[in-house]
Structures are given as C-alpha cells and as structure tokens.
Amino acid sequence: MMTMTTMMTMTTTRRRTTTMTMTMMMMMMTLMMMITTMTTITMLLVIVTIMLLLLLMKMLLLLMMRWRRRSRTRTRAKTTTTTMMMMKMMMTMTMTMMMMMMMMMMMMMMMMMMMMMMMMMMMMMMMMMR
C-alpha cells in the first residue's frame, strides 16, 4: 500500500493538490487497516490464552480429584501441600500471561506512535515540496 502511494506521487507530478489528497487518503486507509489487523490479532491471542487457562484448570481439577482418592489412605497434609503448589503455579502462569499481554499492548502503542510520526514527517515534506 505504501509503495502504491509512492508510485502515485511519482507518476503524477503535474497536479500536486490532487496527488496530495490521494496520498493522504491512502495513508489513512493503510493506518486503519493496520489498526484493525493488530486489534484482531490481540483479540485472538486473548481468546486462545483464556481457553488454554480453562483447559489447565480442568486438568488440575481432575488431578486433584485423583490425588484425593489416592490420599485417603495417607495423611491429609500432603494433599494440602500439593493443592497449594498447584494454586501457586496457576497464579504465576496467569501473572506471566498478563505481563505478556501488557507488553504486547505497549508495543502496539509504540508502533502506532511511530506511524503517526512518520505521517507527520511526510506531510511536512510534501508541504515543503510545494
């Protein structure tokens, strides 16, 4: 898309005003497309993570049930320790996932800012060319 805009500008140098408007429109479109794609990707990632977490929870519950059945003969302390360990593991996993998500969001924001800066620079250059 970016290449297309450049080509458009290069080809039609006679009518500068029209080219400017066209380029602006194209750039805006590209920006919108990028935003939409990024948002969709993030949403998909979130959904996947949630699903994985749910599956993990189910597995853990099943394991807990099995351990409880087994540990009826043994002491109750062992079961509590195992459960605590599992809970801790789950908590750590969730925390890490959240951190990753936050990092991704930050990266997205940075990218957006960079794009905006580039747009501004392009605008300035175009104005100067006139």
N, C-alpha and C. Protein backbone atom coordinates (compact mmCIF):
# COMPACT_ATOMS: atom_id res chain seq x y z
N MET A 1 0.84 -1.20 0.00
CA MET A 1 0.00 0.00 0.00
C MET A 1 0.88 1.26 0.00
N MET A 2 1.91 1.21 0.81
CA MET A 2 2.83 2.34 0.90
C MET A 2 3.53 2.58 -0.43
N THR A 3 3.92 1.50 -1.05
CA THR A 3 4.58 1.57 -2.36
C THR A 3 3.64 2.18 -3.39
N MET A 4 2.38 1.79 -3.30
CA MET A 4 1.35 2.30 -4.20
C MET A 4 1.25 3.81 -4.09
N THR A 5 1.25 4.30 -2.88
CA THR A 5 1.16 5.75 -2.64
C THR A 5 2.35 6.47 -3.27
N THR A 6 3.52 5.91 -3.04
CA THR A 6 4.75 6.50 -3.58
C THR A 6 4.71 6.55 -5.10
N MET A 7 4.23 5.45 -5.70
CA MET A 7 4.12 5.35 -7.15
C MET A 7 3.17 6.41 -7.69
N MET A 8 2.07 6.57 -7.00
CA MET A 8 1.06 7.56 -7.38
C MET A 8 1.67 8.95 -7.41
N THR A 9 2.42 9.26 -6.38
CA THR A 9 3.06 10.57 -6.26
C THR A 9 4.09 10.77 -7.37
N MET A 10 4.85 9.72 -7.64
CA MET A 10 5.90 9.79 -8.64
C MET A 10 5.34 9.97 -10.06
N THR A 11 4.26 9.27 -10.34
CA THR A 11 3.68 9.31 -11.68
C THR A 11 3.06 10.67 -12.00
N THR A 12 2.21 11.14 -11.11
CA THR A 12 1.51 12.41 -11.37
C THR A 12 2.14 13.55 -10.58
N THR A 13 3.00 14.29 -11.25
CA THR A 13 3.68 15.43 -10.61
C THR A 13 3.07 16.76 -11.06
N ARG A 14 2.23 16.72 -12.08
CA ARG A 14 1.61 17.93 -12.61
C ARG A 14 0.56 18.48 -11.64
N ARG A 15 -0.40 17.62 -11.29
CA ARG A 15 -1.45 18.05 -10.35
C ARG A 15 -1.04 17.63 -8.94
N ARG A 16 -0.41 18.49 -8.23
CA ARG A 16 0.12 18.19 -6.90
C ARG A 16 -0.96 18.12 -5.82
N THR A 17 -1.93 18.98 -5.94
CA THR A 17 -3.01 19.04 -4.94
C THR A 17 -3.80 17.73 -4.89
N THR A 18 -4.17 17.25 -6.08
CA THR A 18 -4.92 16.00 -6.19
C THR A 18 -4.12 14.83 -5.64
N THR A 19 -2.84 14.81 -6.01
CA THR A 19 -1.95 13.74 -5.55
C THR A 19 -1.84 13.76 -4.03
N MET A 20 -1.76 14.95 -3.47
CA MET A 20 -1.66 15.11 -2.02
C MET A 20 -2.86 14.50 -1.32
N THR A 21 -4.03 14.85 -1.83
CA THR A 21 -5.27 14.34 -1.25
C THR A 21 -5.34 12.82 -1.36
N MET A 22 -4.98 12.32 -2.52
CA MET A 22 -5.00 10.88 -2.77
C MET A 22 -4.05 10.14 -1.84
N THR A 23 -2.86 10.68 -1.72
CA THR A 23 -1.85 10.08 -0.85
C THR A 23 -2.32 10.05 0.60
N MET A 24 -2.91 11.15 1.01
CA MET A 24 -3.42 11.27 2.38
C MET A 24 -4.48 10.21 2.65
N MET A 25 -5.38 10.07 1.70
CA MET A 25 -6.45 9.09 1.80
C MET A 25 -5.89 7.68 1.91
N MET A 26 -4.93 7.40 1.06
CA MET A 26 -4.29 6.08 1.02
C MET A 26 -3.59 5.78 2.33
N MET A 27 -2.88 6.76 2.85
CA MET A 27 -2.14 6.62 4.10
C MET A 27 -3.10 6.34 5.25
N MET A 28 -4.19 7.07 5.26
CA MET A 28 -5.21 6.90 6.30
C MET A 28 -5.78 5.49 6.25
N MET A 29 -6.04 5.04 5.04
CA MET A 29 -6.57 3.70 4.82
C MET A 29 -5.61 2.63 5.35
N THR A 30 -4.34 2.82 5.04
CA THR A 30 -3.31 1.88 5.49
C THR A 30 -3.26 1.83 7.00
N LEU A 31 -3.32 3.00 7.61
CA LEU A 31 -3.30 3.12 9.07
C LEU A 31 -4.47 2.37 9.70
N MET A 32 -5.64 2.59 9.12
CA MET A 32 -6.86 1.94 9.60
C MET A 32 -6.74 0.42 9.51
N MET A 33 -6.22 -0.03 8.38
CA MET A 33 -6.03 -1.46 8.14
C MET A 33 -5.10 -2.06 9.18
N MET A 34 -4.01 -1.37 9.44
CA MET A 34 -3.02 -1.81 10.42
C MET A 34 -3.64 -1.93 11.80
N ILE A 35 -4.40 -0.91 12.18
CA ILE A 35 -5.06 -0.89 13.49
C ILE A 35 -6.00 -2.08 13.63
N THR A 36 -6.82 -2.27 12.61
CA THR A 36 -7.80 -3.36 12.63
C THR A 36 -7.12 -4.72 12.75
N THR A 37 -6.07 -4.91 11.95
CA THR A 37 -5.34 -6.18 11.97
C THR A 37 -4.73 -6.45 13.34
N MET A 38 -4.11 -5.43 13.91
CA MET A 38 -3.47 -5.54 15.21
C MET A 38 -4.49 -5.90 16.29
N THR A 39 -5.62 -5.21 16.26
CA THR A 39 -6.68 -5.45 17.25
C THR A 39 -7.21 -6.88 17.16
N THR A 40 -7.43 -7.32 15.93
CA THR A 40 -7.94 -8.68 15.70
C THR A 40 -6.96 -9.73 16.23
N ILE A 41 -5.68 -9.50 15.96
CA ILE A 41 -4.63 -10.43 16.40
C ILE A 41 -4.60 -10.50 17.92
N THR A 42 -4.67 -9.34 18.54
CA THR A 42 -4.64 -9.27 20.01
C THR A 42 -5.83 -10.00 20.62
N MET A 43 -7.01 -9.78 20.03
CA MET A 43 -8.24 -10.41 20.50
C MET A 43 -8.13 -11.93 20.41
N LEU A 44 -7.63 -12.40 19.29
CA LEU A 44 -7.44 -13.83 19.07
C LEU A 44 -6.51 -14.43 20.10
N LEU A 45 -5.42 -13.73 20.37
CA LEU A 45 -4.44 -14.16 21.37
C LEU A 45 -5.08 -14.28 22.74
N VAL A 46 -5.87 -13.28 23.08
CA VAL A 46 -6.57 -13.26 24.38
C VAL A 46 -7.48 -14.47 24.50
N ILE A 47 -8.28 -14.71 23.47
CA ILE A 47 -9.21 -15.84 23.45
C ILE A 47 -8.48 -17.16 23.65
N VAL A 48 -7.40 -17.32 22.89
CA VAL A 48 -6.58 -18.54 22.95
C VAL A 48 -6.03 -18.76 24.35
N THR A 49 -5.51 -17.68 24.93
CA THR A 49 -4.95 -17.75 26.29
C THR A 49 -6.00 -18.18 27.31
N ILE A 50 -7.18 -17.59 27.18
CA ILE A 50 -8.29 -17.90 28.09
C ILE A 50 -8.67 -19.38 27.99
N MET A 51 -8.77 -19.85 26.75
CA MET A 51 -9.11 -21.25 26.50
C MET A 51 -8.09 -22.19 27.12
N LEU A 52 -6.83 -21.87 26.93
CA LEU A 52 -5.73 -22.66 27.48
C LEU A 52 -5.79 -22.71 29.00
N LEU A 53 -6.07 -21.56 29.60
CA LEU A 53 -6.17 -21.46 31.06
C LEU A 53 -7.30 -22.33 31.59
N LEU A 54 -8.43 -22.29 30.89
CA LEU A 54 -9.60 -23.10 31.27
C LEU A 54 -9.27 -24.59 31.21
N LEU A 55 -8.60 -24.98 30.14
CA LEU A 55 -8.19 -26.37 29.96
C LEU A 55 -7.27 -26.82 31.09
N LEU A 56 -6.32 -25.94 31.43
CA LEU A 56 -5.39 -26.21 32.52
C LEU A 56 -6.12 -26.40 33.84
N MET A 57 -7.10 -25.54 34.06
CA MET A 57 -7.91 -25.61 35.28
C MET A 57 -8.64 -26.95 35.38
N LYS A 58 -9.21 -27.37 34.27
CA LYS A 58 -9.93 -28.64 34.20
C LYS A 58 -9.01 -29.81 34.53
N MET A 59 -7.85 -29.78 33.91
CA MET A 59 -6.84 -30.83 34.12
C MET A 59 -6.42 -30.89 35.58
N LEU A 60 -6.20 -29.72 36.15
CA LEU A 60 -5.79 -29.61 37.55
C LEU A 60 -6.86 -30.18 38.47
N LEU A 61 -8.10 -29.86 38.17
CA LEU A 61 -9.23 -30.35 38.98
C LEU A 61 -9.29 -31.87 38.96
N LEU A 62 -9.12 -32.42 37.76
CA LEU A 62 -9.11 -33.88 37.59
C LEU A 62 -8.00 -34.52 38.41
N LEU A 63 -6.82 -33.92 38.31
CA LEU A 63 -5.65 -34.40 39.05
C LEU A 63 -5.89 -34.35 40.56
N MET A 64 -6.50 -33.26 41.01
CA MET A 64 -6.80 -33.06 42.43
C MET A 64 -7.74 -34.16 42.92
N MET A 65 -8.76 -34.44 42.11
CA MET A 65 -9.72 -35.48 42.46
C MET A 65 -9.03 -36.83 42.62
N ARG A 66 -8.15 -37.13 41.68
CA ARG A 66 -7.41 -38.39 41.70
C ARG A 66 -6.54 -38.49 42.95
N TRP A 67 -5.82 -37.37 43.24
CA TRP A 67 -4.95 -37.33 44.40
C TRP A 67 -5.72 -37.54 45.70
N ARG A 68 -6.88 -36.91 45.75
CA ARG A 68 -7.72 -37.03 46.95
C ARG A 68 -8.15 -38.48 47.16
N ARG A 69 -8.53 -39.10 46.06
CA ARG A 69 -8.94 -40.51 46.13
C ARG A 69 -7.79 -41.39 46.63
N ARG A 70 -6.60 -41.08 46.12
CA ARG A 70 -5.41 -41.86 46.49
C ARG A 70 -5.00 -41.59 47.94
N SER A 71 -5.02 -40.30 48.30
CA SER A 71 -4.50 -39.87 49.60
C SER A 71 -5.44 -40.13 50.80
N ARG A 72 -6.56 -40.79 50.58
CA ARG A 72 -7.45 -41.10 51.71
C ARG A 72 -6.76 -42.04 52.71
N THR A 73 -5.91 -42.88 52.14
CA THR A 73 -5.14 -43.81 52.99
C THR A 73 -4.00 -43.08 53.69
N ARG A 74 -3.41 -42.11 52.96
CA ARG A 74 -2.28 -41.35 53.52
C ARG A 74 -2.77 -40.19 54.40
N THR A 75 -1.81 -39.32 54.75
CA THR A 75 -2.14 -38.15 55.58
C THR A 75 -2.77 -37.04 54.74
N ARG A 76 -3.45 -36.12 55.40
CA ARG A 76 -4.13 -35.02 54.70
C ARG A 76 -3.17 -33.87 54.37
N ALA A 77 -2.06 -33.79 55.05
CA ALA A 77 -1.10 -32.70 54.86
C ALA A 77 -0.54 -32.68 53.44
N LYS A 78 -0.27 -33.88 52.91
CA LYS A 78 0.31 -33.99 51.57
C LYS A 78 -0.63 -33.38 50.51
N THR A 79 -1.90 -33.66 50.64
CA THR A 79 -2.89 -33.15 49.69
C THR A 79 -2.91 -31.62 49.70
N THR A 80 -2.91 -31.06 50.90
CA THR A 80 -2.94 -29.60 51.05
C THR A 80 -1.72 -28.96 50.39
N THR A 81 -0.56 -29.56 50.62
CA THR A 81 0.68 -29.03 50.04
C THR A 81 0.63 -29.06 48.52
N THR A 82 0.15 -30.17 47.98
CA THR A 82 0.05 -30.32 46.52
C THR A 82 -0.90 -29.28 45.94
N THR A 83 -2.03 -29.13 46.60
CA THR A 83 -3.04 -28.16 46.13
C THR A 83 -2.46 -26.75 46.14
N MET A 84 -1.76 -26.44 47.21
CA MET A 84 -1.15 -25.12 47.37
C MET A 84 -0.14 -24.86 46.25
N MET A 85 0.65 -25.89 45.98
CA MET A 85 1.66 -25.80 44.92
C MET A 85 1.02 -25.54 43.56
N MET A 86 -0.05 -26.28 43.31
CA MET A 86 -0.77 -26.15 42.05
C MET A 86 -1.37 -24.75 41.91
N MET A 87 -1.94 -24.26 42.99
CA MET A 87 -2.54 -22.93 43.00
C MET A 87 -1.49 -21.86 42.71
N LYS A 88 -0.33 -22.04 43.34
CA LYS A 88 0.78 -21.11 43.15
C LYS A 88 1.22 -21.10 41.69
N MET A 89 1.31 -22.28 41.12
CA MET A 89 1.70 -22.43 39.73
C MET A 89 0.72 -21.71 38.81
N MET A 90 -0.56 -21.91 39.08
CA MET A 90 -1.62 -21.28 38.30
C MET A 90 -1.52 -19.76 38.38
N MET A 91 -1.30 -19.27 39.58
CA MET A 91 -1.19 -17.83 39.82
C MET A 91 -0.02 -17.24 39.02
N THR A 92 1.10 -17.93 39.09
CA THR A 92 2.30 -17.48 38.37
C THR A 92 2.06 -17.44 36.86
N MET A 93 1.39 -18.49 36.37
CA MET A 93 1.07 -18.59 34.95
C MET A 93 0.20 -17.42 34.50
N THR A 94 -0.84 -17.16 35.29
CA THR A 94 -1.76 -16.06 34.97
C THR A 94 -1.03 -14.72 34.96
N MET A 95 -0.18 -14.54 35.95
CA MET A 95 0.58 -13.29 36.08
C MET A 95 1.49 -13.08 34.87
N THR A 96 2.17 -14.15 34.49
CA THR A 96 3.07 -14.08 33.34
C THR A 96 2.31 -13.74 32.06
N MET A 97 1.15 -14.36 31.90
CA MET A 97 0.31 -14.12 30.73
C MET A 97 -0.12 -12.66 30.68
N MET A 98 -0.53 -12.15 31.82
CA MET A 98 -0.97 -10.76 31.92
C MET A 98 0.16 -9.81 31.55
N MET A 99 1.34 -10.12 32.05
CA MET A 99 2.52 -9.31 31.77
C MET A 99 2.83 -9.29 30.28
N MET A 100 2.73 -10.46 29.67
CA MET A 100 2.98 -10.59 28.24
C MET A 100 1.99 -9.75 27.44
N MET A 101 0.73 -9.82 27.84
CA MET A 101 -0.33 -9.06 27.19
C MET A 101 -0.05 -7.56 27.28
N MET A 102 0.35 -7.13 28.47
CA MET A 102 0.65 -5.72 28.71
C MET A 102 1.80 -5.26 27.81
N MET A 103 2.81 -6.11 27.72
CA MET A 103 3.97 -5.82 26.89
C MET A 103 3.57 -5.66 25.42
N MET A 104 2.70 -6.56 24.98
CA MET A 104 2.21 -6.54 23.60
C MET A 104 1.46 -5.24 23.32
N MET A 105 0.62 -4.85 24.27
CA MET A 105 -0.16 -3.63 24.15
C MET A 105 0.75 -2.41 24.05
N MET A 106 1.79 -2.42 24.88
CA MET A 106 2.75 -1.32 24.89
C MET A 106 3.46 -1.22 23.54
N MET A 107 3.83 -2.37 23.01
CA MET A 107 4.49 -2.44 21.72
C MET A 107 3.60 -1.88 20.62
N MET A 108 2.32 -2.23 20.70
CA MET A 108 1.34 -1.77 19.73
C MET A 108 1.24 -0.25 19.76
N MET A 109 1.17 0.28 20.96
CA MET A 109 1.06 1.72 21.15
C MET A 109 2.27 2.43 20.55
N MET A 110 3.44 1.86 20.81
CA MET A 110 4.69 2.41 20.30
C MET A 110 4.69 2.44 18.77
N MET A 111 4.23 1.36 18.19
CA MET A 111 4.16 1.24 16.74
C MET A 111 3.23 2.30 16.15
N MET A 112 2.10 2.47 16.81
CA MET A 112 1.11 3.45 16.38
C MET A 112 1.71 4.86 16.41
N MET A 113 2.41 5.16 17.49
CA MET A 113 3.05 6.46 17.66
C MET A 113 4.07 6.71 16.54
N MET A 114 4.84 5.67 16.26
CA MET A 114 5.85 5.76 15.21
C MET A 114 5.21 6.05 13.85
N MET A 115 4.11 5.37 13.59
CA MET A 115 3.38 5.54 12.34
C MET A 115 2.87 6.97 12.21
N MET A 116 2.34 7.48 13.30
CA MET A 116 1.82 8.84 13.33
C MET A 116 2.93 9.85 13.05
N MET A 117 4.07 9.61 13.66
CA MET A 117 5.23 10.48 13.47
C MET A 117 5.66 10.49 12.01
N MET A 118 5.67 9.31 11.42
CA MET A 118 6.03 9.16 10.02
C MET A 118 5.07 9.94 9.13
N MET A 119 3.80 9.86 9.46
CA MET A 119 2.76 10.56 8.72
C MET A 119 3.01 12.06 8.76
N MET A 120 3.29 12.55 9.95
CA MET A 120 3.54 13.98 10.15
C MET A 120 4.75 14.44 9.32
N MET A 121 5.78 13.62 9.36
CA MET A 121 7.01 13.92 8.62
C MET A 121 6.74 14.00 7.12
N MET A 122 5.96 13.06 6.64
CA MET A 122 5.60 13.00 5.23
C MET A 122 4.83 14.26 4.83
N MET A 123 3.91 14.64 5.69
CA MET A 123 3.09 15.83 5.45
C MET A 123 3.97 17.06 5.32
N MET A 124 4.89 17.19 6.26
CA MET A 124 5.81 18.32 6.28
C MET A 124 6.65 18.37 5.00
N MET A 125 7.13 17.22 4.60
CA MET A 125 7.95 17.11 3.40
C MET A 125 7.17 17.53 2.16
N MET A 126 5.94 17.07 2.10
CA MET A 126 5.06 17.38 0.97
C MET A 126 4.80 18.88 0.90
N MET A 127 4.55 19.46 2.04
CA MET A 127 4.28 20.90 2.11
C MET A 127 5.50 21.70 1.65
N MET A 128 6.66 21.23 2.05
CA MET A 128 7.91 21.89 1.68
C MET A 128 8.16 21.79 0.17
N MET A 129 7.80 20.67 -0.39
CA MET A 129 7.98 20.43 -1.82
C MET A 129 7.21 21.46 -2.64
N ARG A 130 6.06 21.85 -2.17
CA ARG A 130 5.25 22.86 -2.83
C ARG A 130 6.03 24.18 -2.87
